[in-house]
Amino acid sequence: VQSSSITTVIAEQSKVAVRPEDLPEAVKSTLSGSYSEWKVTSAYLVTKDDNSQYYEVNIKRAEESSTLNLDKYGKKID
């Protein structure tokens, strides 16, 4: 009987909590523009294994919640 093993590569990344008021101005302006009716519930600075960074911002509006990934210029990234 031959067993096959599946190797999953997980990209290393670190996540540091950021207070919403400490987000870069460009990120805050994106949030206050397109997402003005949303409230930031939490935010993190994520550093990926290639040293690129983005902000993961969790937002909420009434019963809806969403997560935005924004670069330091406030542009949405996937």
PDB file of N, CA and C in Angstrom:
ATOM      1  N   VAL A   1       0.857  -1.186   0.000  1.00  0.00           N
ATOM      2  CA  VAL A   1       0.000   0.000   0.000  1.00  0.00           C
ATOM      3  C   VAL A   1       0.892   1.235   0.000  1.00  0.00           C
ATOM      4  N   GLN A   2       0.651   2.089  -0.953  1.00  0.00           N
ATOM      5  CA  GLN A   2       1.457   3.304  -1.050  1.00  0.00           C
ATOM      6  C   GLN A   2       0.643   4.474  -0.520  1.00  0.00           C
ATOM      7  N   SER A   3       1.248   5.212   0.385  1.00  0.00           N
ATOM      8  CA  SER A   3       0.523   6.372   0.913  1.00  0.00           C
ATOM      9  C   SER A   3       1.108   7.629   0.292  1.00  0.00           C
ATOM     10  N   SER A   4       0.244   8.495  -0.126  1.00  0.00           N
ATOM     11  CA  SER A   4       0.731   9.742  -0.703  1.00  0.00           C
ATOM     12  C   SER A   4       0.545  10.834   0.335  1.00  0.00           C
ATOM     13  N   SER A   5       1.515  11.672   0.450  1.00  0.00           N
ATOM     14  CA  SER A   5       1.374  12.769   1.401  1.00  0.00           C
ATOM     15  C   SER A   5       1.285  14.071   0.631  1.00  0.00           C
ATOM     16  N   ILE A   6       0.415  14.916   1.107  1.00  0.00           N
ATOM     17  CA  ILE A   6       0.231  16.213   0.472  1.00  0.00           C
ATOM     18  C   ILE A   6       0.920  17.248   1.340  1.00  0.00           C
ATOM     19  N   THR A   7       1.804  17.986   0.739  1.00  0.00           N
ATOM     20  CA  THR A   7       2.527  19.012   1.481  1.00  0.00           C
ATOM     21  C   THR A   7       1.893  20.355   1.182  1.00  0.00           C
ATOM     22  N   THR A   8       1.524  21.044   2.215  1.00  0.00           N
ATOM     23  CA  THR A   8       0.945  22.363   2.036  1.00  0.00           C
ATOM     24  C   THR A   8       1.977  23.392   2.465  1.00  0.00           C
ATOM     25  N   VAL A   9       2.223  24.326   1.591  1.00  0.00           N
ATOM     26  CA  VAL A   9       3.169  25.385   1.934  1.00  0.00           C
ATOM     27  C   VAL A   9       2.368  26.589   2.397  1.00  0.00           C
ATOM     28  N   ILE A  10       2.607  26.987   3.608  1.00  0.00           N
ATOM     29  CA  ILE A  10       1.904  28.149   4.151  1.00  0.00           C
ATOM     30  C   ILE A  10       2.893  29.301   4.204  1.00  0.00           C
ATOM     31  N   ALA A  11       2.536  30.366   3.542  1.00  0.00           N
ATOM     32  CA  ALA A  11       3.421  31.538   3.535  1.00  0.00           C
ATOM     33  C   ALA A  11       3.488  32.104   4.949  1.00  0.00           C
ATOM     34  N   GLU A  12       4.674  32.331   5.388  1.00  0.00           N
ATOM     35  CA  GLU A  12       4.850  32.905   6.716  1.00  0.00           C
ATOM     36  C   GLU A  12       4.447  34.368   6.684  1.00  0.00           C
ATOM     37  N   GLN A  13       3.685  34.765   7.643  1.00  0.00           N
ATOM     38  CA  GLN A  13       3.380  36.182   7.736  1.00  0.00           C
ATOM     39  C   GLN A  13       3.190  36.539   9.193  1.00  0.00           C
ATOM     40  N   SER A  14       3.499  37.765   9.515  1.00  0.00           N
ATOM     41  CA  SER A  14       3.291  38.207  10.884  1.00  0.00           C
ATOM     42  C   SER A  14       2.208  39.264  10.858  1.00  0.00           C
ATOM     43  N   LYS A  15       1.464  39.291  11.943  1.00  0.00           N
ATOM     44  CA  LYS A  15       0.309  40.178  12.023  1.00  0.00           C
ATOM     45  C   LYS A  15       0.428  40.966  13.319  1.00  0.00           C
ATOM     46  N   VAL A  16       0.457  42.270  13.209  1.00  0.00           N
ATOM     47  CA  VAL A  16       0.594  43.117  14.387  1.00  0.00           C
ATOM     48  C   VAL A  16      -0.642  44.007  14.483  1.00  0.00           C
ATOM     49  N   ALA A  17      -1.271  44.002  15.634  1.00  0.00           N
ATOM     50  CA  ALA A  17      -2.458  44.842  15.809  1.00  0.00           C
ATOM     51  C   ALA A  17      -2.076  46.316  15.728  1.00  0.00           C
ATOM     52  N   VAL A  18      -2.926  47.088  15.062  1.00  0.00           N
ATOM     53  CA  VAL A  18      -2.719  48.534  14.913  1.00  0.00           C
ATOM     54  C   VAL A  18      -3.995  49.217  15.386  1.00  0.00           C
ATOM     55  N   ARG A  19      -3.850  50.271  16.175  1.00  0.00           N
ATOM     56  CA  ARG A  19      -5.056  51.015  16.570  1.00  0.00           C
ATOM     57  C   ARG A  19      -5.562  51.770  15.355  1.00  0.00           C
ATOM     58  N   PRO A  20      -6.898  51.812  15.169  1.00  0.00           N
ATOM     59  CA  PRO A  20      -7.442  52.499  13.989  1.00  0.00           C
ATOM     60  C   PRO A  20      -6.901  53.922  13.827  1.00  0.00           C
ATOM     61  N   GLU A  21      -6.694  54.634  14.945  1.00  0.00           N
ATOM     62  CA  GLU A  21      -6.200  56.016  14.832  1.00  0.00           C
ATOM     63  C   GLU A  21      -4.728  56.076  14.415  1.00  0.00           C
ATOM     64  N   ASP A  22      -4.021  54.936  14.482  1.00  0.00           N
ATOM     65  CA  ASP A  22      -2.610  54.897  14.086  1.00  0.00           C
ATOM     66  C   ASP A  22      -2.408  54.440  12.644  1.00  0.00           C
ATOM     67  N   LEU A  23      -3.496  54.194  11.926  1.00  0.00           N
ATOM     68  CA  LEU A  23      -3.366  53.804  10.520  1.00  0.00           C
ATOM     69  C   LEU A  23      -2.825  54.990   9.714  1.00  0.00           C
ATOM     70  N   PRO A  24      -2.114  54.708   8.614  1.00  0.00           N
ATOM     71  CA  PRO A  24      -1.611  55.813   7.775  1.00  0.00           C
ATOM     72  C   PRO A  24      -2.759  56.679   7.262  1.00  0.00           C
ATOM     73  N   GLU A  25      -2.481  57.954   7.042  1.00  0.00           N
ATOM     74  CA  GLU A  25      -3.506  58.894   6.571  1.00  0.00           C
ATOM     75  C   GLU A  25      -4.200  58.401   5.304  1.00  0.00           C
ATOM     76  N   ALA A  26      -3.444  57.829   4.371  1.00  0.00           N
ATOM     77  CA  ALA A  26      -4.037  57.368   3.104  1.00  0.00           C
ATOM     78  C   ALA A  26      -5.070  56.267   3.358  1.00  0.00           C
ATOM     79  N   VAL A  27      -4.770  55.393   4.301  1.00  0.00           N
ATOM     80  CA  VAL A  27      -5.704  54.312   4.650  1.00  0.00           C
ATOM     81  C   VAL A  27      -6.940  54.906   5.312  1.00  0.00           C
ATOM     82  N   LYS A  28      -6.718  55.854   6.235  1.00  0.00           N
ATOM     83  CA  LYS A  28      -7.855  56.499   6.905  1.00  0.00           C
ATOM     84  C   LYS A  28      -8.735  57.244   5.907  1.00  0.00           C
ATOM     85  N   SER A  29      -8.114  57.875   4.899  1.00  0.00           N
ATOM     86  CA  SER A  29      -8.923  58.635   3.953  1.00  0.00           C
ATOM     87  C   SER A  29      -9.742  57.692   3.064  1.00  0.00           C
ATOM     88  N   THR A  30      -9.203  56.524   2.723  1.00  0.00           N
ATOM     89  CA  THR A  30      -9.986  55.529   1.981  1.00  0.00           C
ATOM     90  C   THR A  30     -11.176  55.081   2.822  1.00  0.00           C
ATOM     91  N   LEU A  31     -10.920  54.830   4.106  1.00  0.00           N
ATOM     92  CA  LEU A  31     -11.988  54.377   5.000  1.00  0.00           C
ATOM     93  C   LEU A  31     -13.055  55.450   5.193  1.00  0.00           C
ATOM     94  N   SER A  32     -12.633  56.709   5.330  1.00  0.00           N
ATOM     95  CA  SER A  32     -13.623  57.762   5.559  1.00  0.00           C
ATOM     96  C   SER A  32     -14.328  58.155   4.272  1.00  0.00           C
ATOM     97  N   GLY A  33     -13.740  57.800   3.123  1.00  0.00           N
ATOM     98  CA  GLY A  33     -14.379  58.087   1.841  1.00  0.00           C
ATOM     99  C   GLY A  33     -15.372  57.000   1.470  1.00  0.00           C
ATOM    100  N   SER A  34     -14.854  55.915   0.872  1.00  0.00           N
ATOM    101  CA  SER A  34     -15.708  54.835   0.364  1.00  0.00           C
ATOM    102  C   SER A  34     -16.440  54.064   1.456  1.00  0.00           C
ATOM    103  N   TYR A  35     -15.906  54.095   2.669  1.00  0.00           N
ATOM    104  CA  TYR A  35     -16.482  53.274   3.739  1.00  0.00           C
ATOM    105  C   TYR A  35     -16.908  54.117   4.927  1.00  0.00           C
ATOM    106  N   SER A  36     -17.397  55.341   4.645  1.00  0.00           N
ATOM    107  CA  SER A  36     -17.689  56.279   5.724  1.00  0.00           C
ATOM    108  C   SER A  36     -18.769  55.785   6.689  1.00  0.00           C
ATOM    109  N   GLU A  37     -19.684  54.943   6.216  1.00  0.00           N
ATOM    110  CA  GLU A  37     -20.726  54.469   7.136  1.00  0.00           C
ATOM    111  C   GLU A  37     -20.307  53.209   7.887  1.00  0.00           C
ATOM    112  N   TRP A  38     -19.098  52.739   7.632  1.00  0.00           N
ATOM    113  CA  TRP A  38     -18.577  51.559   8.318  1.00  0.00           C
ATOM    114  C   TRP A  38     -17.722  51.982   9.502  1.00  0.00           C
ATOM    115  N   LYS A  39     -17.700  51.154  10.527  1.00  0.00           N
ATOM    116  CA  LYS A  39     -16.871  51.417  11.705  1.00  0.00           C
ATOM    117  C   LYS A  39     -15.741  50.392  11.733  1.00  0.00           C
ATOM    118  N   VAL A  40     -14.529  50.860  11.961  1.00  0.00           N
ATOM    119  CA  VAL A  40     -13.388  49.946  12.046  1.00  0.00           C
ATOM    120  C   VAL A  40     -13.461  49.205  13.376  1.00  0.00           C
ATOM    121  N   THR A  41     -13.486  47.863  13.321  1.00  0.00           N
ATOM    122  CA  THR A  41     -13.528  47.080  14.556  1.00  0.00           C
ATOM    123  C   THR A  41     -12.135  46.640  14.985  1.00  0.00           C
ATOM    124  N   SER A  42     -11.256  46.381  14.013  1.00  0.00           N
ATOM    125  CA  SER A  42      -9.865  46.064  14.341  1.00  0.00           C
ATOM    126  C   SER A  42      -9.021  46.237  13.085  1.00  0.00           C
ATOM    127  N   ALA A  43      -7.723  46.406  13.294  1.00  0.00           N
ATOM    128  CA  ALA A  43      -6.812  46.590  12.167  1.00  0.00           C
ATOM    129  C   ALA A  43      -5.477  45.936  12.494  1.00  0.00           C
ATOM    130  N   TYR A  44      -4.835  45.414  11.471  1.00  0.00           N
ATOM    131  CA  TYR A  44      -3.549  44.741  11.643  1.00  0.00           C
ATOM    132  C   TYR A  44      -2.611  45.152  10.520  1.00  0.00           C
ATOM    133  N   LEU A  45      -1.322  45.224  10.855  1.00  0.00           N
ATOM    134  CA  LEU A  45      -0.298  45.392   9.833  1.00  0.00           C
ATOM    135  C   LEU A  45       0.239  43.993   9.582  1.00  0.00           C
ATOM    136  N   VAL A  46       0.065  43.500   8.358  1.00  0.00           N
ATOM    137  CA  VAL A  46       0.501  42.159   8.011  1.00  0.00           C
ATOM    138  C   VAL A  46       1.771  42.260   7.176  1.00  0.00           C
ATOM    139  N   THR A  47       2.807  41.529   7.584  1.00  0.00           N
ATOM    140  CA  THR A  47       4.052  41.472   6.823  1.00  0.00           C
ATOM    141  C   THR A  47       4.170  40.066   6.255  1.00  0.00           C
ATOM    142  N   LYS A  48       4.218  39.969   4.927  1.00  0.00           N
ATOM    143  CA  LYS A  48       4.314  38.662   4.296  1.00  0.00           C
ATOM    144  C   LYS A  48       5.771  38.218   4.226  1.00  0.00           C
ATOM    145  N   ASP A  49       5.966  36.954   3.842  1.00  0.00           N
ATOM    146  CA  ASP A  49       7.335  36.416   3.828  1.00  0.00           C
ATOM    147  C   ASP A  49       8.261  37.109   2.841  1.00  0.00           C
ATOM    148  N   ASP A  50       7.690  37.825   1.849  1.00  0.00           N
ATOM    149  CA  ASP A  50       8.545  38.579   0.923  1.00  0.00           C
ATOM    150  C   ASP A  50       8.770  40.012   1.423  1.00  0.00           C
ATOM    151  N   ASN A  51       8.399  40.256   2.682  1.00  0.00           N
ATOM    152  CA  ASN A  51       8.559  41.557   3.348  1.00  0.00           C
ATOM    153  C   ASN A  51       7.608  42.629   2.848  1.00  0.00           C
ATOM    154  N   SER A  52       6.649  42.271   1.987  1.00  0.00           N
ATOM    155  CA  SER A  52       5.650  43.263   1.603  1.00  0.00           C
ATOM    156  C   SER A  52       4.655  43.392   2.746  1.00  0.00           C
ATOM    157  N   GLN A  53       4.064  44.546   2.865  1.00  0.00           N
ATOM    158  CA  GLN A  53       3.155  44.796   3.971  1.00  0.00           C
ATOM    159  C   GLN A  53       1.830  45.340   3.473  1.00  0.00           C
ATOM    160  N   TYR A  54       0.786  45.028   4.200  1.00  0.00           N
ATOM    161  CA  TYR A  54      -0.516  45.627   3.933  1.00  0.00           C
ATOM    162  C   TYR A  54      -1.283  45.695   5.239  1.00  0.00           C
ATOM    163  N   TYR A  55      -2.337  46.471   5.224  1.00  0.00           N
ATOM    164  CA  TYR A  55      -3.185  46.607   6.403  1.00  0.00           C
ATOM    165  C   TYR A  55      -4.444  45.778   6.208  1.00  0.00           C
ATOM    166  N   GLU A  56      -4.739  44.935   7.187  1.00  0.00           N
ATOM    167  CA  GLU A  56      -5.971  44.166   7.176  1.00  0.00           C
ATOM    168  C   GLU A  56      -6.907  44.891   8.132  1.00  0.00           C
ATOM    169  N   VAL A  57      -7.987  45.444   7.581  1.00  0.00           N
ATOM    170  CA  VAL A  57      -8.891  46.268   8.380  1.00  0.00           C
ATOM    171  C   VAL A  57     -10.257  45.593   8.425  1.00  0.00           C
ATOM    172  N   ASN A  58     -10.725  45.290   9.633  1.00  0.00           N
ATOM    173  CA  ASN A  58     -12.039  44.688   9.802  1.00  0.00           C
ATOM    174  C   ASN A  58     -13.037  45.799  10.077  1.00  0.00           C
ATOM    175  N   ILE A  59     -14.108  45.825   9.275  1.00  0.00           N
ATOM    176  CA  ILE A  59     -15.092  46.896   9.379  1.00  0.00           C
ATOM    177  C   ILE A  59     -16.483  46.301   9.571  1.00  0.00           C
ATOM    178  N   LYS A  60     -17.366  47.102  10.150  1.00  0.00           N
ATOM    179  CA  LYS A  60     -18.713  46.636  10.463  1.00  0.00           C
ATOM    180  C   LYS A  60     -19.715  47.757  10.207  1.00  0.00           C
ATOM    181  N   ARG A  61     -20.884  47.372   9.690  1.00  0.00           N
ATOM    182  CA  ARG A  61     -21.977  48.315   9.469  1.00  0.00           C
ATOM    183  C   ARG A  61     -23.260  47.561   9.784  1.00  0.00           C
ATOM    184  N   ALA A  62     -23.969  48.002  10.813  1.00  0.00           N
ATOM    185  CA  ALA A  62     -25.171  47.302  11.269  1.00  0.00           C
ATOM    186  C   ALA A  62     -24.827  45.826  11.491  1.00  0.00           C
ATOM    187  N   GLU A  63     -25.484  44.920  10.760  1.00  0.00           N
ATOM    188  CA  GLU A  63     -25.211  43.492  10.946  1.00  0.00           C
ATOM    189  C   GLU A  63     -24.148  42.957   9.991  1.00  0.00           C
ATOM    190  N   GLU A  64     -23.684  43.803   9.092  1.00  0.00           N
ATOM    191  CA  GLU A  64     -22.690  43.376   8.119  1.00  0.00           C
ATOM    192  C   GLU A  64     -21.288  43.586   8.661  1.00  0.00           C
ATOM    193  N   SER A  65     -20.400  42.663   8.324  1.00  0.00           N
ATOM    194  CA  SER A  65     -18.995  42.932   8.618  1.00  0.00           C
ATOM    195  C   SER A  65     -18.169  42.484   7.422  1.00  0.00           C
ATOM    196  N   SER A  66     -17.029  43.100   7.275  1.00  0.00           N
ATOM    197  CA  SER A  66     -16.202  42.845   6.111  1.00  0.00           C
ATOM    198  C   SER A  66     -14.737  43.057   6.486  1.00  0.00           C
ATOM    199  N   THR A  67     -13.852  42.538   5.661  1.00  0.00           N
ATOM    200  CA  THR A  67     -12.419  42.742   5.861  1.00  0.00           C
ATOM    201  C   THR A  67     -11.843  43.371   4.603  1.00  0.00           C
ATOM    202  N   LEU A  68     -11.094  44.441   4.794  1.00  0.00           N
ATOM    203  CA  LEU A  68     -10.435  45.113   3.672  1.00  0.00           C
ATOM    204  C   LEU A  68      -8.943  44.910   3.804  1.00  0.00           C
ATOM    205  N   ASN A  69      -8.280  44.658   2.687  1.00  0.00           N
ATOM    206  CA  ASN A  69      -6.831  44.637   2.675  1.00  0.00           C
ATOM    207  C   ASN A  69      -6.387  45.848   1.869  1.00  0.00           C
ATOM    208  N   LEU A  70      -5.690  46.759   2.547  1.00  0.00           N
ATOM    209  CA  LEU A  70      -5.269  48.003   1.915  1.00  0.00           C
ATOM    210  C   LEU A  70      -3.759  48.159   2.037  1.00  0.00           C
ATOM    211  N   ASP A  71      -3.130  48.670   0.980  1.00  0.00           N
ATOM    212  CA  ASP A  71      -1.716  48.978   1.118  1.00  0.00           C
ATOM    213  C   ASP A  71      -1.559  50.326   1.822  1.00  0.00           C
ATOM    214  N   LYS A  72      -0.313  50.726   2.031  1.00  0.00           N
ATOM    215  CA  LYS A  72      -0.107  51.966   2.812  1.00  0.00           C
ATOM    216  C   LYS A  72      -0.575  53.209   2.088  1.00  0.00           C
ATOM    217  N   TYR A  73      -0.900  53.071   0.791  1.00  0.00           N
ATOM    218  CA  TYR A  73      -1.433  54.206   0.029  1.00  0.00           C
ATOM    219  C   TYR A  73      -2.957  54.208   0.025  1.00  0.00           C
ATOM    220  N   GLY A  74      -3.559  53.255   0.755  1.00  0.00           N
ATOM    221  CA  GLY A  74      -5.006  53.188   0.847  1.00  0.00           C
ATOM    222  C   GLY A  74      -5.650  52.474  -0.336  1.00  0.00           C
ATOM    223  N   LYS A  75      -4.843  51.834  -1.186  1.00  0.00           N
ATOM    224  CA  LYS A  75      -5.395  51.092  -2.335  1.00  0.00           C
ATOM    225  C   LYS A  75      -5.770  49.685  -1.900  1.00  0.00           C
ATOM    226  N   LYS A  76      -6.922  49.220  -2.399  1.00  0.00           N
ATOM    227  CA  LYS A  76      -7.398  47.880  -2.057  1.00  0.00           C
ATOM    228  C   LYS A  76      -6.533  46.832  -2.756  1.00  0.00           C
ATOM    229  N   ILE A  77      -6.128  45.803  -2.026  1.00  0.00           N
ATOM    230  CA  ILE A  77      -5.367  44.710  -2.622  1.00  0.00           C
ATOM    231  C   ILE A  77      -6.067  43.387  -2.333  1.00  0.00           C
ATOM    232  N   ASP A  78      -5.766  42.384  -3.124  1.00  0.00           N
ATOM    233  CA  ASP A  78      -6.398  41.076  -2.932  1.00  0.00           C
ATOM    234  C   ASP A  78      -5.555  40.193  -2.029  1.00  0.00           C
TER     235      ASP A  78
END
